[in-house]
Amino acid sequence: MTRSTLRFALAVLLIGAAALFLQAHTRSEVFPSRLPLQSFPQQLGDWKSYDVPLEKDVLEVLGPGDFLFIAYFPSQRAGDTIHSPQHCLPGAGWTPIENHPMQLTMPGHAPFPVNRYIIAKGDARQVVLYWYWAHDRGVASEYWAKFYLVADSIRMNRTDGALVRITTPMYRGETVDAAMQRIMPFTSSVTPLLESYIPR
């Protein structure tokens, strides 16, 4: 294949991709029905929740959406996109001291990757599990989440998605393994409920 033929083929491919992207953005975006996060159960097993209101400036940064420990965005087309905890946690004064990828399983799904972070602020330590969830798919990588955002926008005319983040404090002298033994049963209780609040 000559260099000019290769350039022509690449130009055709880029024009075709741009046309698909623009066509997807001219259609009315699909907003599937779902339960609002305000209706998420306030008790799961022995765990009880309480509402912590978000400050106005935090809501302005996050943009429109529902927020619990799940941040659901019904649309990410207008610049209101999911913020990575890798940026938000340091911005809130937390220093990542360990990043360990792991696999998570939930009923009816193949295992999918999640991020396990150990973060510190002063003497405080926390274990954070987080992943991106959209259209029945879990990914750990911010880059894969952006790739699927564009692909699903073209294929499904949808840009909805969520960040699921679960955090537990590490008590003085506690090991990471001990904190994980506390966080994993809670995570196992939460994940089966996601499909009602984050549409497939």
N, C-alpha and C. Protein backbone atom coordinates (compact mmCIF):
# COMPACT_ATOMS: atom_id res chain seq x y z
N MET A 1 0.86 -1.19 0.00
CA MET A 1 0.00 0.00 0.00
C MET A 1 0.89 1.24 0.00
N THR A 2 0.60 2.16 -0.91
CA THR A 2 1.42 3.37 -0.99
C THR A 2 1.07 4.31 0.15
N ARG A 3 1.98 5.26 0.36
CA ARG A 3 1.77 6.22 1.45
C ARG A 3 0.52 7.07 1.20
N SER A 4 0.28 7.47 -0.04
CA SER A 4 -0.90 8.30 -0.34
C SER A 4 -2.19 7.50 -0.15
N THR A 5 -2.18 6.20 -0.50
CA THR A 5 -3.36 5.36 -0.28
C THR A 5 -3.64 5.21 1.21
N LEU A 6 -2.59 5.04 1.99
CA LEU A 6 -2.74 4.92 3.44
C LEU A 6 -3.32 6.20 4.03
N ARG A 7 -2.81 7.34 3.56
CA ARG A 7 -3.34 8.62 4.05
C ARG A 7 -4.81 8.79 3.68
N PHE A 8 -5.17 8.39 2.45
CA PHE A 8 -6.56 8.49 2.00
C PHE A 8 -7.46 7.61 2.86
N ALA A 9 -7.02 6.37 3.12
CA ALA A 9 -7.81 5.45 3.94
C ALA A 9 -7.99 5.98 5.35
N LEU A 10 -6.93 6.56 5.91
CA LEU A 10 -7.01 7.15 7.25
C LEU A 10 -7.97 8.33 7.27
N ALA A 11 -7.92 9.17 6.23
CA ALA A 11 -8.83 10.32 6.15
C ALA A 11 -10.27 9.88 6.07
N VAL A 12 -10.54 8.85 5.24
CA VAL A 12 -11.91 8.31 5.13
C VAL A 12 -12.39 7.77 6.46
N LEU A 13 -11.52 7.06 7.17
CA LEU A 13 -11.86 6.50 8.47
C LEU A 13 -12.19 7.61 9.47
N LEU A 14 -11.37 8.65 9.51
CA LEU A 14 -11.61 9.76 10.44
C LEU A 14 -12.88 10.51 10.09
N ILE A 15 -13.14 10.74 8.81
CA ILE A 15 -14.37 11.43 8.40
C ILE A 15 -15.59 10.59 8.77
N GLY A 16 -15.49 9.27 8.54
CA GLY A 16 -16.59 8.38 8.90
C GLY A 16 -16.87 8.38 10.39
N ALA A 17 -15.80 8.34 11.20
CA ALA A 17 -15.97 8.36 12.66
C ALA A 17 -16.57 9.69 13.10
N ALA A 18 -16.11 10.80 12.50
CA ALA A 18 -16.66 12.12 12.85
C ALA A 18 -18.13 12.21 12.47
N ALA A 19 -18.49 11.64 11.30
CA ALA A 19 -19.89 11.66 10.87
C ALA A 19 -20.78 10.88 11.82
N LEU A 20 -20.30 9.70 12.25
CA LEU A 20 -21.07 8.91 13.22
C LEU A 20 -21.23 9.65 14.53
N PHE A 21 -20.15 10.28 15.00
CA PHE A 21 -20.19 11.02 16.26
C PHE A 21 -21.17 12.19 16.18
N LEU A 22 -21.11 12.94 15.07
CA LEU A 22 -22.00 14.09 14.90
C LEU A 22 -23.45 13.63 14.74
N GLN A 23 -23.67 12.53 14.05
CA GLN A 23 -25.02 12.01 13.88
C GLN A 23 -25.61 11.60 15.22
N ALA A 24 -24.77 10.98 16.06
CA ALA A 24 -25.24 10.58 17.39
C ALA A 24 -25.60 11.78 18.23
N HIS A 25 -24.89 12.89 18.04
CA HIS A 25 -25.14 14.08 18.86
C HIS A 25 -26.28 14.93 18.34
N THR A 26 -26.78 14.65 17.14
CA THR A 26 -27.92 15.43 16.65
C THR A 26 -29.24 14.78 17.06
N ARG A 27 -29.22 13.51 17.42
CA ARG A 27 -30.44 12.84 17.86
C ARG A 27 -30.73 13.22 19.31
N SER A 28 -32.00 13.10 19.70
CA SER A 28 -32.35 13.33 21.09
C SER A 28 -31.78 12.19 21.93
N GLU A 29 -31.10 12.55 22.99
CA GLU A 29 -30.46 11.54 23.83
C GLU A 29 -31.50 10.69 24.54
N VAL A 30 -31.20 9.40 24.70
CA VAL A 30 -32.09 8.47 25.37
C VAL A 30 -31.85 8.54 26.88
N PHE A 31 -32.94 8.69 27.64
CA PHE A 31 -32.85 8.72 29.10
C PHE A 31 -33.72 7.59 29.66
N PRO A 32 -33.15 6.43 29.93
CA PRO A 32 -33.95 5.30 30.41
C PRO A 32 -34.49 5.54 31.81
N SER A 33 -35.60 4.88 32.12
CA SER A 33 -36.20 5.05 33.44
C SER A 33 -35.34 4.34 34.49
N ARG A 34 -35.40 4.84 35.71
CA ARG A 34 -34.63 4.27 36.81
C ARG A 34 -35.23 4.78 38.11
N LEU A 35 -34.88 4.13 39.20
CA LEU A 35 -35.28 4.61 40.52
C LEU A 35 -34.34 5.73 40.94
N PRO A 36 -34.85 6.79 41.59
CA PRO A 36 -33.95 7.85 42.08
C PRO A 36 -33.12 7.35 43.26
N LEU A 37 -31.91 7.85 43.38
CA LEU A 37 -31.04 7.41 44.47
C LEU A 37 -31.59 7.77 45.84
N GLN A 38 -32.50 8.76 45.89
CA GLN A 38 -33.11 9.09 47.19
C GLN A 38 -33.89 7.92 47.76
N SER A 39 -34.31 6.98 46.89
CA SER A 39 -35.08 5.84 47.37
C SER A 39 -34.19 4.64 47.70
N PHE A 40 -32.87 4.80 47.63
CA PHE A 40 -31.97 3.71 47.97
C PHE A 40 -32.22 3.29 49.42
N PRO A 41 -32.22 1.98 49.72
CA PRO A 41 -32.53 1.54 51.09
C PRO A 41 -31.62 2.21 52.13
N GLN A 42 -32.23 2.64 53.23
CA GLN A 42 -31.46 3.29 54.29
C GLN A 42 -30.82 2.28 55.24
N GLN A 43 -31.19 1.02 55.07
CA GLN A 43 -30.57 -0.02 55.88
C GLN A 43 -30.32 -1.25 55.03
N LEU A 44 -29.09 -1.77 55.09
CA LEU A 44 -28.70 -3.00 54.43
C LEU A 44 -28.08 -3.90 55.49
N GLY A 45 -28.79 -4.94 55.87
CA GLY A 45 -28.28 -5.79 56.94
C GLY A 45 -28.12 -4.99 58.22
N ASP A 46 -26.92 -5.02 58.78
CA ASP A 46 -26.65 -4.26 60.02
C ASP A 46 -26.22 -2.83 59.75
N TRP A 47 -26.06 -2.43 58.48
CA TRP A 47 -25.60 -1.09 58.15
C TRP A 47 -26.78 -0.15 57.99
N LYS A 48 -26.69 1.01 58.64
CA LYS A 48 -27.72 2.04 58.53
C LYS A 48 -27.08 3.29 57.93
N SER A 49 -27.86 4.01 57.13
CA SER A 49 -27.34 5.22 56.50
C SER A 49 -28.02 6.46 57.06
N TYR A 50 -27.38 7.59 56.80
CA TYR A 50 -28.00 8.87 57.09
C TYR A 50 -27.56 9.85 56.02
N ASP A 51 -28.39 10.86 55.79
CA ASP A 51 -28.16 11.81 54.71
C ASP A 51 -27.13 12.86 55.12
N VAL A 52 -26.14 13.07 54.27
CA VAL A 52 -25.15 14.13 54.48
C VAL A 52 -25.32 15.11 53.32
N PRO A 53 -25.94 16.27 53.54
CA PRO A 53 -26.17 17.21 52.44
C PRO A 53 -24.84 17.68 51.83
N LEU A 54 -24.83 17.81 50.50
CA LEU A 54 -23.65 18.34 49.82
C LEU A 54 -23.74 19.85 49.78
N GLU A 55 -22.60 20.51 49.96
CA GLU A 55 -22.58 21.97 49.93
C GLU A 55 -22.83 22.47 48.51
N LYS A 56 -23.31 23.70 48.42
CA LYS A 56 -23.70 24.26 47.13
C LYS A 56 -22.54 24.28 46.15
N ASP A 57 -21.34 24.67 46.61
CA ASP A 57 -20.20 24.73 45.68
C ASP A 57 -19.80 23.35 45.19
N VAL A 58 -19.99 22.32 46.03
CA VAL A 58 -19.71 20.94 45.61
C VAL A 58 -20.70 20.52 44.53
N LEU A 59 -21.97 20.84 44.74
CA LEU A 59 -23.00 20.49 43.74
C LEU A 59 -22.75 21.21 42.42
N GLU A 60 -22.26 22.46 42.49
CA GLU A 60 -21.96 23.20 41.26
C GLU A 60 -20.84 22.53 40.47
N VAL A 61 -19.85 22.00 41.18
CA VAL A 61 -18.75 21.29 40.50
C VAL A 61 -19.24 19.98 39.91
N LEU A 62 -20.05 19.24 40.67
CA LEU A 62 -20.54 17.94 40.21
C LEU A 62 -21.52 18.06 39.06
N GLY A 63 -22.31 19.13 39.05
CA GLY A 63 -23.31 19.28 38.00
C GLY A 63 -24.58 18.53 38.35
N PRO A 64 -25.56 18.51 37.40
CA PRO A 64 -26.84 17.85 37.70
C PRO A 64 -26.68 16.35 37.80
N GLY A 65 -27.41 15.76 38.73
CA GLY A 65 -27.35 14.31 38.92
C GLY A 65 -27.77 13.96 40.33
N ASP A 66 -27.79 12.68 40.62
CA ASP A 66 -28.08 12.18 41.97
C ASP A 66 -26.77 11.74 42.61
N PHE A 67 -26.64 11.98 43.90
CA PHE A 67 -25.39 11.63 44.56
C PHE A 67 -25.68 10.97 45.90
N LEU A 68 -25.09 9.82 46.10
CA LEU A 68 -25.15 9.11 47.37
C LEU A 68 -23.70 8.72 47.59
N PHE A 69 -23.38 7.46 47.81
CA PHE A 69 -22.02 7.01 47.60
C PHE A 69 -21.92 6.55 46.15
N ILE A 70 -23.06 6.69 45.46
CA ILE A 70 -23.12 6.48 44.02
C ILE A 70 -23.40 7.84 43.39
N ALA A 71 -22.58 8.25 42.46
CA ALA A 71 -22.83 9.49 41.72
C ALA A 71 -23.32 9.10 40.34
N TYR A 72 -24.61 9.30 40.07
CA TYR A 72 -25.20 8.93 38.79
C TYR A 72 -25.39 10.17 37.94
N PHE A 73 -24.93 10.11 36.70
CA PHE A 73 -25.08 11.22 35.76
C PHE A 73 -26.01 10.77 34.62
N PRO A 74 -27.21 11.35 34.51
CA PRO A 74 -28.12 10.94 33.44
C PRO A 74 -27.60 11.31 32.05
N SER A 75 -26.74 12.34 31.96
CA SER A 75 -26.14 12.74 30.69
C SER A 75 -24.77 13.33 30.98
N GLN A 76 -23.82 13.05 30.08
CA GLN A 76 -22.48 13.62 30.21
C GLN A 76 -22.10 14.41 28.95
N ARG A 77 -23.10 14.89 28.22
CA ARG A 77 -22.84 15.59 26.98
C ARG A 77 -22.54 17.07 27.18
N ALA A 78 -23.07 17.67 28.22
CA ALA A 78 -22.95 19.12 28.39
C ALA A 78 -21.72 19.50 29.20
N GLY A 79 -20.75 18.60 29.31
CA GLY A 79 -19.54 18.91 30.07
C GLY A 79 -19.60 18.46 31.51
N ASP A 80 -20.76 17.98 31.97
CA ASP A 80 -20.90 17.48 33.33
C ASP A 80 -20.55 16.00 33.32
N THR A 81 -19.28 15.67 33.56
CA THR A 81 -18.83 14.29 33.47
C THR A 81 -18.38 13.79 34.83
N ILE A 82 -18.25 12.49 34.93
CA ILE A 82 -17.83 11.86 36.18
C ILE A 82 -16.41 12.28 36.52
N HIS A 83 -16.20 12.71 37.75
CA HIS A 83 -14.88 13.12 38.22
C HIS A 83 -14.17 11.94 38.86
N SER A 84 -12.93 11.73 38.47
CA SER A 84 -12.16 10.62 39.02
C SER A 84 -11.78 10.88 40.47
N PRO A 85 -11.95 9.89 41.35
CA PRO A 85 -11.47 10.05 42.73
C PRO A 85 -9.96 10.29 42.80
N GLN A 86 -9.23 9.91 41.76
CA GLN A 86 -7.79 10.19 41.75
C GLN A 86 -7.52 11.69 41.76
N HIS A 87 -8.50 12.49 41.29
CA HIS A 87 -8.35 13.94 41.32
C HIS A 87 -9.09 14.56 42.50
N CYS A 88 -10.28 14.01 42.79
CA CYS A 88 -11.11 14.60 43.85
C CYS A 88 -10.53 14.36 45.24
N LEU A 89 -10.01 13.16 45.49
CA LEU A 89 -9.50 12.86 46.84
C LEU A 89 -8.30 13.73 47.21
N PRO A 90 -7.29 13.87 46.34
CA PRO A 90 -6.20 14.79 46.68
C PRO A 90 -6.68 16.23 46.83
N GLY A 91 -7.70 16.61 46.02
CA GLY A 91 -8.25 17.96 46.13
C GLY A 91 -8.91 18.21 47.47
N ALA A 92 -9.35 17.12 48.13
CA ALA A 92 -9.97 17.23 49.46
C ALA A 92 -8.94 17.01 50.57
N GLY A 93 -7.65 16.95 50.20
CA GLY A 93 -6.60 16.83 51.21
C GLY A 93 -6.13 15.42 51.49
N TRP A 94 -6.67 14.41 50.80
CA TRP A 94 -6.28 13.03 51.00
C TRP A 94 -5.11 12.67 50.10
N THR A 95 -4.12 11.97 50.64
CA THR A 95 -2.95 11.55 49.87
C THR A 95 -3.05 10.05 49.60
N PRO A 96 -3.02 9.64 48.31
CA PRO A 96 -3.01 8.21 48.02
C PRO A 96 -1.67 7.60 48.44
N ILE A 97 -1.71 6.53 49.23
CA ILE A 97 -0.46 5.89 49.63
C ILE A 97 -0.34 4.48 49.06
N GLU A 98 -1.44 3.97 48.49
CA GLU A 98 -1.38 2.66 47.84
C GLU A 98 -2.53 2.54 46.86
N ASN A 99 -2.24 2.01 45.68
CA ASN A 99 -3.26 1.77 44.66
C ASN A 99 -3.11 0.32 44.22
N HIS A 100 -4.16 -0.45 44.45
CA HIS A 100 -4.09 -1.89 44.16
C HIS A 100 -5.34 -2.29 43.39
N PRO A 101 -5.23 -2.65 42.10
CA PRO A 101 -6.42 -3.11 41.37
C PRO A 101 -6.86 -4.48 41.89
N MET A 102 -8.16 -4.74 41.82
CA MET A 102 -8.69 -6.03 42.25
C MET A 102 -9.93 -6.35 41.43
N GLN A 103 -10.39 -7.57 41.51
CA GLN A 103 -11.60 -8.01 40.81
C GLN A 103 -12.76 -8.07 41.80
N LEU A 104 -13.92 -7.66 41.32
CA LEU A 104 -15.13 -7.71 42.13
C LEU A 104 -16.16 -8.57 41.40
N THR A 105 -16.89 -9.36 42.13
CA THR A 105 -17.94 -10.17 41.53
C THR A 105 -19.28 -9.75 42.09
N MET A 106 -20.31 -9.84 41.26
CA MET A 106 -21.68 -9.60 41.70
C MET A 106 -22.56 -10.62 41.02
N PRO A 107 -23.69 -10.97 41.63
CA PRO A 107 -24.55 -12.02 41.07
C PRO A 107 -24.93 -11.74 39.63
N GLY A 108 -24.77 -12.76 38.77
CA GLY A 108 -25.18 -12.63 37.37
C GLY A 108 -24.18 -11.93 36.48
N HIS A 109 -22.99 -11.63 37.00
CA HIS A 109 -21.99 -10.91 36.20
C HIS A 109 -20.64 -11.60 36.31
N ALA A 110 -19.88 -11.48 35.23
CA ALA A 110 -18.49 -11.92 35.29
C ALA A 110 -17.72 -10.95 36.19
N PRO A 111 -16.63 -11.38 36.81
CA PRO A 111 -15.83 -10.46 37.62
C PRO A 111 -15.38 -9.25 36.79
N PHE A 112 -15.32 -8.09 37.43
CA PHE A 112 -14.88 -6.88 36.74
C PHE A 112 -13.87 -6.15 37.63
N PRO A 113 -13.01 -5.32 37.02
CA PRO A 113 -11.94 -4.67 37.79
C PRO A 113 -12.45 -3.45 38.56
N VAL A 114 -11.92 -3.26 39.76
CA VAL A 114 -12.18 -2.08 40.57
C VAL A 114 -10.85 -1.57 41.12
N ASN A 115 -10.85 -0.34 41.58
CA ASN A 115 -9.67 0.26 42.20
C ASN A 115 -9.77 0.16 43.70
N ARG A 116 -8.68 -0.24 44.35
CA ARG A 116 -8.61 -0.20 45.80
C ARG A 116 -7.50 0.78 46.18
N TYR A 117 -7.90 1.86 46.81
CA TYR A 117 -6.96 2.90 47.22
C TYR A 117 -6.85 2.91 48.75
N ILE A 118 -5.65 3.10 49.24
CA ILE A 118 -5.45 3.45 50.64
C ILE A 118 -5.05 4.92 50.65
N ILE A 119 -5.81 5.73 51.38
CA ILE A 119 -5.55 7.17 51.39
C ILE A 119 -5.30 7.63 52.82
N ALA A 120 -4.60 8.75 52.94
CA ALA A 120 -4.23 9.26 54.27
C ALA A 120 -4.41 10.77 54.31
N LYS A 121 -4.82 11.24 55.48
CA LYS A 121 -4.87 12.68 55.78
C LYS A 121 -4.49 12.82 57.25
N GLY A 122 -3.29 13.33 57.50
CA GLY A 122 -2.79 13.37 58.87
C GLY A 122 -2.62 11.95 59.39
N ASP A 123 -3.23 11.67 60.54
CA ASP A 123 -3.17 10.32 61.11
C ASP A 123 -4.29 9.41 60.61
N ALA A 124 -5.23 9.97 59.88
CA ALA A 124 -6.38 9.19 59.41
C ALA A 124 -6.01 8.38 58.17
N ARG A 125 -6.55 7.17 58.09
CA ARG A 125 -6.38 6.31 56.93
C ARG A 125 -7.75 5.78 56.52
N GLN A 126 -7.93 5.61 55.21
CA GLN A 126 -9.19 5.05 54.71
C GLN A 126 -8.89 4.07 53.59
N VAL A 127 -9.76 3.08 53.45
CA VAL A 127 -9.75 2.19 52.29
C VAL A 127 -10.89 2.63 51.39
N VAL A 128 -10.58 2.84 50.12
CA VAL A 128 -11.57 3.28 49.14
C VAL A 128 -11.63 2.27 48.00
N LEU A 129 -12.82 1.77 47.73
CA LEU A 129 -13.07 0.98 46.52
C LEU A 129 -13.89 1.84 45.58
N TYR A 130 -13.48 1.90 44.32
CA TYR A 130 -14.33 2.62 43.37
C TYR A 130 -14.21 2.02 41.98
N TRP A 131 -15.30 2.20 41.22
CA TRP A 131 -15.34 1.76 39.83
C TRP A 131 -16.41 2.56 39.10
N TYR A 132 -16.34 2.48 37.78
CA TYR A 132 -17.32 3.14 36.92
C TYR A 132 -18.31 2.09 36.44
N TRP A 133 -19.60 2.43 36.48
CA TRP A 133 -20.63 1.48 36.12
C TRP A 133 -21.61 2.13 35.15
N ALA A 134 -21.78 1.51 33.99
CA ALA A 134 -22.74 2.01 33.00
C ALA A 134 -23.17 0.86 32.11
N HIS A 135 -24.47 0.77 31.86
CA HIS A 135 -25.03 -0.18 30.90
C HIS A 135 -24.58 -1.61 31.18
N ASP A 136 -24.67 -1.97 32.46
CA ASP A 136 -24.37 -3.32 32.91
C ASP A 136 -22.89 -3.68 32.75
N ARG A 137 -22.02 -2.67 32.85
CA ARG A 137 -20.59 -2.88 32.65
C ARG A 137 -19.82 -2.13 33.72
N GLY A 138 -18.89 -2.83 34.37
CA GLY A 138 -18.03 -2.20 35.37
C GLY A 138 -16.60 -2.13 34.88
N VAL A 139 -15.97 -0.96 35.02
CA VAL A 139 -14.57 -0.79 34.65
C VAL A 139 -13.88 0.03 35.74
N ALA A 140 -12.57 -0.18 35.89
CA ALA A 140 -11.80 0.57 36.87
C ALA A 140 -11.10 1.77 36.25
N SER A 141 -10.73 1.65 35.00
CA SER A 141 -9.91 2.67 34.33
C SER A 141 -10.75 3.87 33.88
N GLU A 142 -10.27 5.07 34.20
CA GLU A 142 -10.91 6.29 33.73
C GLU A 142 -10.89 6.35 32.20
N TYR A 143 -9.81 5.84 31.61
CA TYR A 143 -9.67 5.88 30.15
C TYR A 143 -10.68 4.95 29.47
N TRP A 144 -10.86 3.73 30.03
CA TRP A 144 -11.87 2.83 29.47
C TRP A 144 -13.27 3.41 29.68
N ALA A 145 -13.50 4.06 30.80
CA ALA A 145 -14.81 4.68 31.04
C ALA A 145 -15.10 5.74 29.98
N LYS A 146 -14.09 6.56 29.62
CA LYS A 146 -14.27 7.58 28.58
C LYS A 146 -14.47 6.93 27.22
N PHE A 147 -13.72 5.85 26.94
CA PHE A 147 -13.88 5.15 25.67
C PHE A 147 -15.31 4.64 25.52
N TYR A 148 -15.82 3.97 26.57
CA TYR A 148 -17.18 3.44 26.50
C TYR A 148 -18.22 4.56 26.46
N LEU A 149 -17.92 5.70 27.08
CA LEU A 149 -18.83 6.84 27.02
C LEU A 149 -19.05 7.26 25.57
N VAL A 150 -17.96 7.40 24.82
CA VAL A 150 -18.07 7.79 23.41
C VAL A 150 -18.72 6.67 22.59
N ALA A 151 -18.29 5.43 22.81
CA ALA A 151 -18.83 4.30 22.05
C ALA A 151 -20.33 4.14 22.30
N ASP A 152 -20.76 4.25 23.56
CA ASP A 152 -22.19 4.10 23.87
C ASP A 152 -23.00 5.28 23.37
N SER A 153 -22.38 6.46 23.32
CA SER A 153 -23.06 7.63 22.77
C SER A 153 -23.38 7.41 21.30
N ILE A 154 -22.44 6.82 20.57
CA ILE A 154 -22.66 6.54 19.15
C ILE A 154 -23.60 5.37 18.96
N ARG A 155 -23.37 4.29 19.70
CA ARG A 155 -24.11 3.04 19.48
C ARG A 155 -25.52 3.09 20.07
N MET A 156 -25.68 3.68 21.26
CA MET A 156 -26.94 3.62 21.99
C MET A 156 -27.62 4.98 22.15
N ASN A 157 -26.89 6.05 21.78
CA ASN A 157 -27.38 7.42 21.99
C ASN A 157 -27.62 7.70 23.47
N ARG A 158 -26.72 7.14 24.31
CA ARG A 158 -26.80 7.34 25.75
C ARG A 158 -25.42 7.71 26.30
N THR A 159 -25.41 8.64 27.25
CA THR A 159 -24.15 8.99 27.92
C THR A 159 -24.27 8.87 29.43
N ASP A 160 -25.32 8.20 29.89
CA ASP A 160 -25.51 8.06 31.33
C ASP A 160 -24.47 7.09 31.91
N GLY A 161 -24.19 7.25 33.18
CA GLY A 161 -23.23 6.38 33.85
C GLY A 161 -23.06 6.80 35.29
N ALA A 162 -22.29 6.01 36.01
CA ALA A 162 -22.15 6.27 37.44
C ALA A 162 -20.75 5.95 37.92
N LEU A 163 -20.39 6.60 39.00
CA LEU A 163 -19.20 6.27 39.77
C LEU A 163 -19.70 5.67 41.08
N VAL A 164 -19.22 4.49 41.40
CA VAL A 164 -19.58 3.85 42.67
C VAL A 164 -18.33 3.89 43.55
N ARG A 165 -18.45 4.50 44.71
CA ARG A 165 -17.30 4.63 45.61
C ARG A 165 -17.72 4.23 47.02
N ILE A 166 -17.00 3.28 47.58
CA ILE A 166 -17.30 2.79 48.93
C ILE A 166 -16.05 2.97 49.78
N THR A 167 -16.22 3.59 50.94
CA THR A 167 -15.08 3.96 51.77
C THR A 167 -15.29 3.48 53.20
N THR A 168 -14.22 3.02 53.83
CA THR A 168 -14.27 2.70 55.26
C THR A 168 -13.02 3.24 55.93
N PRO A 169 -13.15 3.76 57.14
CA PRO A 169 -11.94 4.21 57.86
C PRO A 169 -11.12 3.01 58.33
N MET A 170 -9.82 3.22 58.43
CA MET A 170 -8.94 2.24 59.06
C MET A 170 -8.67 2.72 60.48
N TYR A 171 -9.05 1.90 61.44
CA TYR A 171 -8.89 2.30 62.83
C TYR A 171 -7.43 2.16 63.25
N ARG A 172 -7.07 2.84 64.31
CA ARG A 172 -5.68 2.84 64.76
C ARG A 172 -5.17 1.41 64.96
N GLY A 173 -4.07 1.09 64.30
CA GLY A 173 -3.47 -0.23 64.40
C GLY A 173 -4.11 -1.28 63.51
N GLU A 174 -5.15 -0.90 62.77
CA GLU A 174 -5.85 -1.87 61.94
C GLU A 174 -5.09 -2.10 60.63
N THR A 175 -5.10 -3.34 60.15
CA THR A 175 -4.46 -3.68 58.89
C THR A 175 -5.43 -3.46 57.74
N VAL A 176 -4.88 -3.38 56.52
CA VAL A 176 -5.72 -3.25 55.33
C VAL A 176 -6.64 -4.46 55.20
N ASP A 177 -6.11 -5.64 55.48
CA ASP A 177 -6.92 -6.86 55.38
C ASP A 177 -8.13 -6.82 56.32
N ALA A 178 -7.92 -6.30 57.52
CA ALA A 178 -9.03 -6.21 58.48
C ALA A 178 -10.09 -5.23 57.98
N ALA A 179 -9.64 -4.10 57.42
CA ALA A 179 -10.59 -3.13 56.87
C ALA A 179 -11.34 -3.72 55.68
N MET A 180 -10.64 -4.51 54.86
CA MET A 180 -11.29 -5.16 53.71
C MET A 180 -12.34 -6.17 54.17
N GLN A 181 -12.09 -6.84 55.29
CA GLN A 181 -13.08 -7.80 55.81
C GLN A 181 -14.36 -7.08 56.23
N ARG A 182 -14.25 -5.80 56.55
CA ARG A 182 -15.42 -5.02 56.92
C ARG A 182 -16.12 -4.46 55.67
N ILE A 183 -15.33 -4.01 54.68
CA ILE A 183 -15.92 -3.33 53.53
C ILE A 183 -16.52 -4.29 52.51
N MET A 184 -15.97 -5.50 52.40
CA MET A 184 -16.44 -6.41 51.35
C MET A 184 -17.87 -6.92 51.58
N PRO A 185 -18.27 -7.28 52.80
CA PRO A 185 -19.68 -7.69 52.97
C PRO A 185 -20.66 -6.57 52.62
N PHE A 186 -20.30 -5.34 52.97
CA PHE A 186 -21.16 -4.21 52.60
C PHE A 186 -21.22 -4.05 51.09
N THR A 187 -20.06 -4.15 50.42
CA THR A 187 -20.02 -4.06 48.97
C THR A 187 -20.87 -5.14 48.33
N SER A 188 -20.81 -6.34 48.87
CA SER A 188 -21.62 -7.45 48.35
C SER A 188 -23.11 -7.19 48.54
N SER A 189 -23.49 -6.44 49.56
CA SER A 189 -24.90 -6.10 49.77
C SER A 189 -25.37 -5.01 48.82
N VAL A 190 -24.45 -4.11 48.44
CA VAL A 190 -24.80 -2.97 47.60
C VAL A 190 -24.90 -3.34 46.12
N THR A 191 -23.93 -4.11 45.63
CA THR A 191 -23.83 -4.32 44.18
C THR A 191 -25.08 -4.94 43.54
N PRO A 192 -25.79 -5.87 44.19
CA PRO A 192 -26.99 -6.40 43.52
C PRO A 192 -28.09 -5.36 43.31
N LEU A 193 -28.05 -4.26 44.07
CA LEU A 193 -29.09 -3.24 43.96
C LEU A 193 -28.82 -2.24 42.84
N LEU A 194 -27.62 -2.25 42.28
CA LEU A 194 -27.22 -1.21 41.33
C LEU A 194 -28.13 -1.13 40.10
N GLU A 195 -28.59 -2.28 39.61
CA GLU A 195 -29.35 -2.28 38.36
C GLU A 195 -30.64 -1.50 38.45
N SER A 196 -31.21 -1.36 39.64
CA SER A 196 -32.45 -0.59 39.79
C SER A 196 -32.19 0.91 39.71
N TYR A 197 -30.98 1.34 40.00
CA TYR A 197 -30.66 2.76 40.08
C TYR A 197 -29.77 3.24 38.95
N ILE A 198 -29.07 2.30 38.31
CA ILE A 198 -28.19 2.63 37.19
C ILE A 198 -28.65 1.78 36.02
N PRO A 199 -29.35 2.35 35.04
CA PRO A 199 -29.99 1.55 34.00
C PRO A 199 -28.99 0.75 33.16
N ARG A 200 -29.43 -0.41 32.67
CA ARG A 200 -28.61 -1.25 31.78
C ARG A 200 -28.39 -0.53 30.46
